[in-house]
């Protein structure tokens, strides 16, 4: 099972809030998740990023691959995601 750290959309129409989740890469974007490790609100000023850094590091150590956007969020929070 290939596991990824990625975003799922929640919130209302034209008011997206994103959850940072751990999910099988074959699952749909808003489908089944293994664990929710945080959330991201790009609408607030400044943008709000809340992450359980310990759980994120744990999943990365187990080989989970972050999506490009989650990799950027991890970098902002000071967590090394490895790779590019």
PDB file of N, CA and C in Angstrom:
ATOM      1  N   UNK A   1       0.849  -1.176   0.000  1.00  0.00           N
ATOM      2  CA  UNK A   1       0.000   0.000   0.000  1.00  0.00           C
ATOM      3  C   UNK A   1       0.893   1.237   0.000  1.00  0.00           C
ATOM      4  N   UNK A   2       0.738   2.090  -1.005  1.00  0.00           N
ATOM      5  CA  UNK A   2       1.496   3.332  -1.090  1.00  0.00           C
ATOM      6  C   UNK A   2       0.746   4.416  -0.318  1.00  0.00           C
ATOM      7  N   UNK A   3       1.390   4.931   0.717  1.00  0.00           N
ATOM      8  CA  UNK A   3       0.744   5.905   1.597  1.00  0.00           C
ATOM      9  C   UNK A   3       1.273   7.292   1.284  1.00  0.00           C
ATOM     10  N   UNK A   4       0.348   8.270   1.264  1.00  0.00           N
ATOM     11  CA  UNK A   4       0.721   9.652   0.986  1.00  0.00           C
ATOM     12  C   UNK A   4       0.164  10.586   2.043  1.00  0.00           C
ATOM     13  N   UNK A   5       0.883  11.662   2.295  1.00  0.00           N
ATOM     14  CA  UNK A   5       0.369  12.777   3.073  1.00  0.00           C
ATOM     15  C   UNK A   5      -0.183  13.747   2.048  1.00  0.00           C
ATOM     16  N   UNK A   6      -1.461  14.085   2.160  1.00  0.00           N
ATOM     17  CA  UNK A   6      -2.077  14.958   1.170  1.00  0.00           C
ATOM     18  C   UNK A   6      -3.216  15.737   1.796  1.00  0.00           C
ATOM     19  N   UNK A   7      -3.856  16.573   0.988  1.00  0.00           N
ATOM     20  CA  UNK A   7      -4.941  17.430   1.453  1.00  0.00           C
ATOM     21  C   UNK A   7      -6.290  16.877   1.030  1.00  0.00           C
ATOM     22  N   UNK A   8      -7.285  17.000   1.905  1.00  0.00           N
ATOM     23  CA  UNK A   8      -8.672  16.737   1.538  1.00  0.00           C
ATOM     24  C   UNK A   8      -9.445  18.015   1.816  1.00  0.00           C
ATOM     25  N   UNK A   9     -10.403  18.309   0.952  1.00  0.00           N
ATOM     26  CA  UNK A   9     -11.126  19.566   1.059  1.00  0.00           C
ATOM     27  C   UNK A   9     -12.330  19.435   1.988  1.00  0.00           C
ATOM     28  N   UNK A  10     -12.461  20.399   2.872  1.00  0.00           N
ATOM     29  CA  UNK A  10     -13.645  20.557   3.712  1.00  0.00           C
ATOM     30  C   UNK A  10     -14.007  22.035   3.659  1.00  0.00           C
ATOM     31  N   UNK A  11     -15.070  22.426   4.306  1.00  0.00           N
ATOM     32  CA  UNK A  11     -15.481  23.824   4.261  1.00  0.00           C
ATOM     33  C   UNK A  11     -16.555  24.020   3.216  1.00  0.00           C
ATOM     34  N   UNK A  12     -17.035  25.227   3.115  1.00  0.00           N
ATOM     35  CA  UNK A  12     -18.163  25.519   2.240  1.00  0.00           C
ATOM     36  C   UNK A  12     -17.763  25.893   0.831  1.00  0.00           C
ATOM     37  N   UNK A  13     -18.776  26.162   0.039  1.00  0.00           N
ATOM     38  CA  UNK A  13     -18.568  26.581  -1.338  1.00  0.00           C
ATOM     39  C   UNK A  13     -17.809  27.908  -1.350  1.00  0.00           C
ATOM     40  N   UNK A  14     -16.772  27.981  -2.140  1.00  0.00           N
ATOM     41  CA  UNK A  14     -15.901  29.153  -2.261  1.00  0.00           C
ATOM     42  C   UNK A  14     -15.231  29.541  -0.941  1.00  0.00           C
ATOM     43  N   UNK A  15     -15.171  28.619  -0.006  1.00  0.00           N
ATOM     44  CA  UNK A  15     -14.515  28.852   1.278  1.00  0.00           C
ATOM     45  C   UNK A  15     -13.775  27.581   1.701  1.00  0.00           C
ATOM     46  N   UNK A  16     -12.748  27.194   0.931  1.00  0.00           N
ATOM     47  CA  UNK A  16     -12.092  25.917   1.216  1.00  0.00           C
ATOM     48  C   UNK A  16     -11.231  25.960   2.472  1.00  0.00           C
ATOM     49  N   UNK A  17     -11.302  24.896   3.209  1.00  0.00           N
ATOM     50  CA  UNK A  17     -10.375  24.602   4.293  1.00  0.00           C
ATOM     51  C   UNK A  17      -9.887  23.192   3.991  1.00  0.00           C
ATOM     52  N   UNK A  18      -8.620  22.954   4.192  1.00  0.00           N
ATOM     53  CA  UNK A  18      -8.032  21.671   3.809  1.00  0.00           C
ATOM     54  C   UNK A  18      -7.549  20.937   5.040  1.00  0.00           C
ATOM     55  N   UNK A  19      -7.840  19.641   5.116  1.00  0.00           N
ATOM     56  CA  UNK A  19      -7.279  18.781   6.151  1.00  0.00           C
ATOM     57  C   UNK A  19      -6.022  18.135   5.596  1.00  0.00           C
ATOM     58  N   UNK A  20      -5.008  18.035   6.434  1.00  0.00           N
ATOM     59  CA  UNK A  20      -3.795  17.300   6.071  1.00  0.00           C
ATOM     60  C   UNK A  20      -4.001  15.885   6.592  1.00  0.00           C
ATOM     61  N   UNK A  21      -4.022  14.915   5.670  1.00  0.00           N
ATOM     62  CA  UNK A  21      -4.352  13.543   6.041  1.00  0.00           C
ATOM     63  C   UNK A  21      -3.305  12.568   5.523  1.00  0.00           C
ATOM     64  N   UNK A  22      -3.329  11.382   6.095  1.00  0.00           N
ATOM     65  CA  UNK A  22      -2.546  10.250   5.612  1.00  0.00           C
ATOM     66  C   UNK A  22      -3.545   9.327   4.937  1.00  0.00           C
ATOM     67  N   UNK A  23      -3.301   8.999   3.657  1.00  0.00           N
ATOM     68  CA  UNK A  23      -4.256   8.175   2.914  1.00  0.00           C
ATOM     69  C   UNK A  23      -3.518   7.307   1.908  1.00  0.00           C
ATOM     70  N   UNK A  24      -4.163   6.218   1.523  1.00  0.00           N
ATOM     71  CA  UNK A  24      -3.668   5.387   0.429  1.00  0.00           C
ATOM     72  C   UNK A  24      -3.758   6.229  -0.838  1.00  0.00           C
ATOM     73  N   UNK A  25      -2.722   6.209  -1.649  1.00  0.00           N
ATOM     74  CA  UNK A  25      -2.725   7.074  -2.829  1.00  0.00           C
ATOM     75  C   UNK A  25      -3.811   6.702  -3.830  1.00  0.00           C
ATOM     76  N   UNK A  26      -4.365   5.492  -3.742  1.00  0.00           N
ATOM     77  CA  UNK A  26      -5.416   5.076  -4.668  1.00  0.00           C
ATOM     78  C   UNK A  26      -6.797   5.560  -4.244  1.00  0.00           C
ATOM     79  N   UNK A  27      -6.936   6.041  -3.010  1.00  0.00           N
ATOM     80  CA  UNK A  27      -8.227   6.533  -2.529  1.00  0.00           C
ATOM     81  C   UNK A  27      -8.550   7.876  -3.178  1.00  0.00           C
ATOM     82  N   UNK A  28      -9.849   8.188  -3.385  1.00  0.00           N
ATOM     83  CA  UNK A  28     -10.219   9.493  -3.935  1.00  0.00           C
ATOM     84  C   UNK A  28      -9.792  10.628  -3.002  1.00  0.00           C
ATOM     85  N   UNK A  29      -9.717  11.837  -3.538  1.00  0.00           N
ATOM     86  CA  UNK A  29      -9.245  12.989  -2.767  1.00  0.00           C
ATOM     87  C   UNK A  29      -9.976  13.138  -1.436  1.00  0.00           C
ATOM     88  N   UNK A  30     -11.296  13.059  -1.462  1.00  0.00           N
ATOM     89  CA  UNK A  30     -12.076  13.220  -0.236  1.00  0.00           C
ATOM     90  C   UNK A  30     -12.569  11.875   0.292  1.00  0.00           C
ATOM     91  N   UNK A  31     -11.883  10.804  -0.076  1.00  0.00           N
ATOM     92  CA  UNK A  31     -12.299   9.458   0.314  1.00  0.00           C
ATOM     93  C   UNK A  31     -11.714   9.024   1.642  1.00  0.00           C
ATOM     94  N   UNK A  32     -11.502   7.727   1.761  1.00  0.00           N
ATOM     95  CA  UNK A  32     -11.048   7.121   3.009  1.00  0.00           C
ATOM     96  C   UNK A  32      -9.659   7.623   3.398  1.00  0.00           C
ATOM     97  N   UNK A  33      -9.501   7.937   4.673  1.00  0.00           N
ATOM     98  CA  UNK A  33      -8.205   8.374   5.191  1.00  0.00           C
ATOM     99  C   UNK A  33      -7.768   7.431   6.303  1.00  0.00           C
ATOM    100  N   UNK A  34      -6.479   7.352   6.507  1.00  0.00           N
ATOM    101  CA  UNK A  34      -5.922   6.539   7.579  1.00  0.00           C
ATOM    102  C   UNK A  34      -5.875   7.356   8.866  1.00  0.00           C
ATOM    103  N   UNK A  35      -5.426   8.616   8.750  1.00  0.00           N
ATOM    104  CA  UNK A  35      -5.299   9.477   9.925  1.00  0.00           C
ATOM    105  C   UNK A  35      -5.308  10.933   9.480  1.00  0.00           C
ATOM    106  N   UNK A  36      -5.932  11.793  10.271  1.00  0.00           N
ATOM    107  CA  UNK A  36      -5.894  13.238  10.047  1.00  0.00           C
ATOM    108  C   UNK A  36      -4.818  13.807  10.964  1.00  0.00           C
ATOM    109  N   UNK A  37      -3.854  14.540  10.369  1.00  0.00           N
ATOM    110  CA  UNK A  37      -2.745  15.045  11.181  1.00  0.00           C
ATOM    111  C   UNK A  37      -2.704  16.566  11.260  1.00  0.00           C
ATOM    112  N   UNK A  38      -3.673  17.249  10.661  1.00  0.00           N
ATOM    113  CA  UNK A  38      -3.685  18.702  10.765  1.00  0.00           C
ATOM    114  C   UNK A  38      -4.677  19.327   9.816  1.00  0.00           C
ATOM    115  N   UNK A  39      -4.619  20.658   9.716  1.00  0.00           N
ATOM    116  CA  UNK A  39      -5.464  21.370   8.764  1.00  0.00           C
ATOM    117  C   UNK A  39      -4.767  22.640   8.289  1.00  0.00           C
ATOM    118  N   UNK A  40      -5.259  23.170   7.164  1.00  0.00           N
ATOM    119  CA  UNK A  40      -4.674  24.333   6.506  1.00  0.00           C
ATOM    120  C   UNK A  40      -5.809  25.218   6.032  1.00  0.00           C
ATOM    121  N   UNK A  41      -5.786  26.490   6.446  1.00  0.00           N
ATOM    122  CA  UNK A  41      -6.807  27.442   6.028  1.00  0.00           C
ATOM    123  C   UNK A  41      -6.141  28.570   5.248  1.00  0.00           C
ATOM    124  N   UNK A  42      -6.210  28.523   3.905  1.00  0.00           N
ATOM    125  CA  UNK A  42      -5.584  29.571   3.105  1.00  0.00           C
ATOM    126  C   UNK A  42      -6.386  30.866   3.086  1.00  0.00           C
ATOM    127  N   UNK A  43      -7.629  30.843   3.579  1.00  0.00           N
ATOM    128  CA  UNK A  43      -8.492  32.021   3.536  1.00  0.00           C
ATOM    129  C   UNK A  43      -8.172  33.022   4.640  1.00  0.00           C
ATOM    130  N   UNK A  44      -7.609  32.565   5.751  1.00  0.00           N
ATOM    131  CA  UNK A  44      -7.305  33.479   6.849  1.00  0.00           C
ATOM    132  C   UNK A  44      -6.077  34.312   6.484  1.00  0.00           C
ATOM    133  N   UNK A  45      -5.911  35.437   7.182  1.00  0.00           N
ATOM    134  CA  UNK A  45      -4.781  36.312   6.890  1.00  0.00           C
ATOM    135  C   UNK A  45      -3.998  36.530   8.178  1.00  0.00           C
ATOM    136  N   UNK A  46      -2.826  35.947   8.352  1.00  0.00           N
ATOM    137  CA  UNK A  46      -2.116  35.068   7.425  1.00  0.00           C
ATOM    138  C   UNK A  46      -2.702  33.654   7.427  1.00  0.00           C
ATOM    139  N   UNK A  47      -2.331  32.876   6.437  1.00  0.00           N
ATOM    140  CA  UNK A  47      -2.826  31.501   6.322  1.00  0.00           C
ATOM    141  C   UNK A  47      -2.503  30.712   7.591  1.00  0.00           C
ATOM    142  N   UNK A  48      -3.424  29.846   7.988  1.00  0.00           N
ATOM    143  CA  UNK A  48      -3.262  29.047   9.198  1.00  0.00           C
ATOM    144  C   UNK A  48      -2.841  27.630   8.831  1.00  0.00           C
ATOM    145  N   UNK A  49      -1.736  27.177   9.420  1.00  0.00           N
ATOM    146  CA  UNK A  49      -1.272  25.804   9.229  1.00  0.00           C
ATOM    147  C   UNK A  49      -1.135  25.178  10.613  1.00  0.00           C
ATOM    148  N   UNK A  50      -1.922  24.135  10.870  1.00  0.00           N
ATOM    149  CA  UNK A  50      -1.850  23.413  12.143  1.00  0.00           C
ATOM    150  C   UNK A  50      -1.500  21.968  11.818  1.00  0.00           C
ATOM    151  N   UNK A  51      -0.372  21.498  12.355  1.00  0.00           N
ATOM    152  CA  UNK A  51       0.079  20.126  12.100  1.00  0.00           C
ATOM    153  C   UNK A  51       0.505  19.457  13.395  1.00  0.00           C
ATOM    154  N   UNK A  52       0.215  18.171  13.511  1.00  0.00           N
ATOM    155  CA  UNK A  52       0.772  17.354  14.580  1.00  0.00           C
ATOM    156  C   UNK A  52       2.142  16.903  14.061  1.00  0.00           C
ATOM    157  N   UNK A  53       3.168  17.663  14.427  1.00  0.00           N
ATOM    158  CA  UNK A  53       4.497  17.447  13.858  1.00  0.00           C
ATOM    159  C   UNK A  53       5.059  16.071  14.204  1.00  0.00           C
ATOM    160  N   UNK A  54       4.757  15.586  15.386  1.00  0.00           N
ATOM    161  CA  UNK A  54       5.250  14.260  15.785  1.00  0.00           C
ATOM    162  C   UNK A  54       4.669  13.170  14.882  1.00  0.00           C
ATOM    163  N   UNK A  55       3.369  13.233  14.609  1.00  0.00           N
ATOM    164  CA  UNK A  55       2.724  12.238  13.747  1.00  0.00           C
ATOM    165  C   UNK A  55       3.217  12.378  12.302  1.00  0.00           C
ATOM    166  N   UNK A  56       3.412  13.608  11.835  1.00  0.00           N
ATOM    167  CA  UNK A  56       3.913  13.813  10.475  1.00  0.00           C
ATOM    168  C   UNK A  56       5.298  13.183  10.325  1.00  0.00           C
ATOM    169  N   UNK A  57       6.174  13.443  11.291  1.00  0.00           N
ATOM    170  CA  UNK A  57       7.519  12.846  11.246  1.00  0.00           C
ATOM    171  C   UNK A  57       7.447  11.322  11.300  1.00  0.00           C
ATOM    172  N   UNK A  58       6.525  10.807  12.104  1.00  0.00           N
ATOM    173  CA  UNK A  58       6.366   9.360  12.223  1.00  0.00           C
ATOM    174  C   UNK A  58       5.981   8.743  10.880  1.00  0.00           C
ATOM    175  N   UNK A  59       5.006   9.338  10.203  1.00  0.00           N
ATOM    176  CA  UNK A  59       4.571   8.799   8.906  1.00  0.00           C
ATOM    177  C   UNK A  59       5.661   8.949   7.846  1.00  0.00           C
ATOM    178  N   UNK A  60       6.387  10.062   7.870  1.00  0.00           N
ATOM    179  CA  UNK A  60       7.477  10.236   6.908  1.00  0.00           C
ATOM    180  C   UNK A  60       8.574   9.194   7.149  1.00  0.00           C
ATOM    181  N   UNK A  61       8.847   8.890   8.415  1.00  0.00           N
ATOM    182  CA  UNK A  61       9.860   7.884   8.747  1.00  0.00           C
ATOM    183  C   UNK A  61       9.435   6.496   8.277  1.00  0.00           C
ATOM    184  N   UNK A  62       8.128   6.248   8.220  1.00  0.00           N
ATOM    185  CA  UNK A  62       7.617   4.954   7.756  1.00  0.00           C
ATOM    186  C   UNK A  62       7.527   4.876   6.241  1.00  0.00           C
ATOM    187  N   UNK A  63       7.887   5.957   5.546  1.00  0.00           N
ATOM    188  CA  UNK A  63       7.921   5.902   4.092  1.00  0.00           C
ATOM    189  C   UNK A  63       6.772   6.582   3.382  1.00  0.00           C
ATOM    190  N   UNK A  64       5.911   7.283   4.108  1.00  0.00           N
ATOM    191  CA  UNK A  64       4.811   8.007   3.458  1.00  0.00           C
ATOM    192  C   UNK A  64       5.385   9.144   2.617  1.00  0.00           C
ATOM    193  N   UNK A  65       4.830   9.334   1.427  1.00  0.00           N
ATOM    194  CA  UNK A  65       5.303  10.372   0.521  1.00  0.00           C
ATOM    195  C   UNK A  65       4.347  11.561   0.561  1.00  0.00           C
ATOM    196  N   UNK A  66       4.829  12.778   0.830  1.00  0.00           N
ATOM    197  CA  UNK A  66       3.943  13.937   0.836  1.00  0.00           C
ATOM    198  C   UNK A  66       3.652  14.414  -0.586  1.00  0.00           C
ATOM    199  N   UNK A  67       2.450  14.947  -0.794  1.00  0.00           N
ATOM    200  CA  UNK A  67       2.138  15.580  -2.073  1.00  0.00           C
ATOM    201  C   UNK A  67       2.969  16.862  -2.165  1.00  0.00           C
ATOM    202  N   UNK A  68       3.019  17.473  -3.341  1.00  0.00           N
ATOM    203  CA  UNK A  68       3.819  18.688  -3.515  1.00  0.00           C
ATOM    204  C   UNK A  68       3.369  19.796  -2.566  1.00  0.00           C
ATOM    205  N   UNK A  69       2.056  19.981  -2.436  1.00  0.00           N
ATOM    206  CA  UNK A  69       1.534  21.043  -1.572  1.00  0.00           C
ATOM    207  C   UNK A  69       1.831  20.749  -0.109  1.00  0.00           C
ATOM    208  N   UNK A  70       1.649  19.517   0.311  1.00  0.00           N
ATOM    209  CA  UNK A  70       1.943  19.164   1.703  1.00  0.00           C
ATOM    210  C   UNK A  70       3.436  19.293   1.965  1.00  0.00           C
ATOM    211  N   UNK A  71       4.270  18.968   0.986  1.00  0.00           N
ATOM    212  CA  UNK A  71       5.721  19.137   1.148  1.00  0.00           C
ATOM    213  C   UNK A  71       6.048  20.608   1.433  1.00  0.00           C
ATOM    214  N   UNK A  72       5.380  21.530   0.724  1.00  0.00           N
ATOM    215  CA  UNK A  72       5.597  22.965   0.958  1.00  0.00           C
ATOM    216  C   UNK A  72       5.136  23.369   2.357  1.00  0.00           C
ATOM    217  N   UNK A  73       3.981  22.848   2.787  1.00  0.00           N
ATOM    218  CA  UNK A  73       3.480  23.165   4.124  1.00  0.00           C
ATOM    219  C   UNK A  73       4.422  22.631   5.199  1.00  0.00           C
ATOM    220  N   UNK A  74       4.943  21.427   4.995  1.00  0.00           N
ATOM    221  CA  UNK A  74       5.897  20.857   5.948  1.00  0.00           C
ATOM    222  C   UNK A  74       7.160  21.706   6.016  1.00  0.00           C
ATOM    223  N   UNK A  75       7.620  22.171   4.873  1.00  0.00           N
ATOM    224  CA  UNK A  75       8.822  23.005   4.833  1.00  0.00           C
ATOM    225  C   UNK A  75       8.589  24.309   5.601  1.00  0.00           C
ATOM    226  N   UNK A  76       7.396  24.902   5.453  1.00  0.00           N
ATOM    227  CA  UNK A  76       7.061  26.130   6.173  1.00  0.00           C
ATOM    228  C   UNK A  76       7.087  25.883   7.683  1.00  0.00           C
ATOM    229  N   UNK A  77       6.616  24.718   8.113  1.00  0.00           N
ATOM    230  CA  UNK A  77       6.581  24.376   9.539  1.00  0.00           C
ATOM    231  C   UNK A  77       7.928  23.866  10.049  1.00  0.00           C
ATOM    232  N   UNK A  78       8.913  23.741   9.153  1.00  0.00           N
ATOM    233  CA  UNK A  78      10.249  23.334   9.569  1.00  0.00           C
ATOM    234  C   UNK A  78      10.449  21.841   9.686  1.00  0.00           C
ATOM    235  N   UNK A  79       9.629  21.068   8.961  1.00  0.00           N
ATOM    236  CA  UNK A  79       9.757  19.614   8.977  1.00  0.00           C
ATOM    237  C   UNK A  79      10.382  19.184   7.661  1.00  0.00           C
ATOM    238  N   UNK A  80      11.464  18.427   7.730  1.00  0.00           N
ATOM    239  CA  UNK A  80      12.121  17.940   6.524  1.00  0.00           C
ATOM    240  C   UNK A  80      11.316  16.791   5.939  1.00  0.00           C
ATOM    241  N   UNK A  81      10.875  16.964   4.674  1.00  0.00           N
ATOM    242  CA  UNK A  81      10.075  15.933   4.019  1.00  0.00           C
ATOM    243  C   UNK A  81      10.931  15.037   3.145  1.00  0.00           C
ATOM    244  N   UNK A  82      12.217  15.321   3.035  1.00  0.00           N
ATOM    245  CA  UNK A  82      13.081  14.531   2.168  1.00  0.00           C
ATOM    246  C   UNK A  82      12.760  14.785   0.707  1.00  0.00           C
ATOM    247  N   UNK A  83      13.510  14.177  -0.182  1.00  0.00           N
ATOM    248  CA  UNK A  83      13.252  14.348  -1.616  1.00  0.00           C
ATOM    249  C   UNK A  83      13.530  15.759  -2.077  1.00  0.00           C
ATOM    250  N   UNK A  84      12.779  16.175  -3.130  1.00  0.00           N
ATOM    251  CA  UNK A  84      12.998  17.502  -3.729  1.00  0.00           C
ATOM    252  C   UNK A  84      12.618  18.525  -2.765  1.00  0.00           C
TER     253      UNK A  84
END
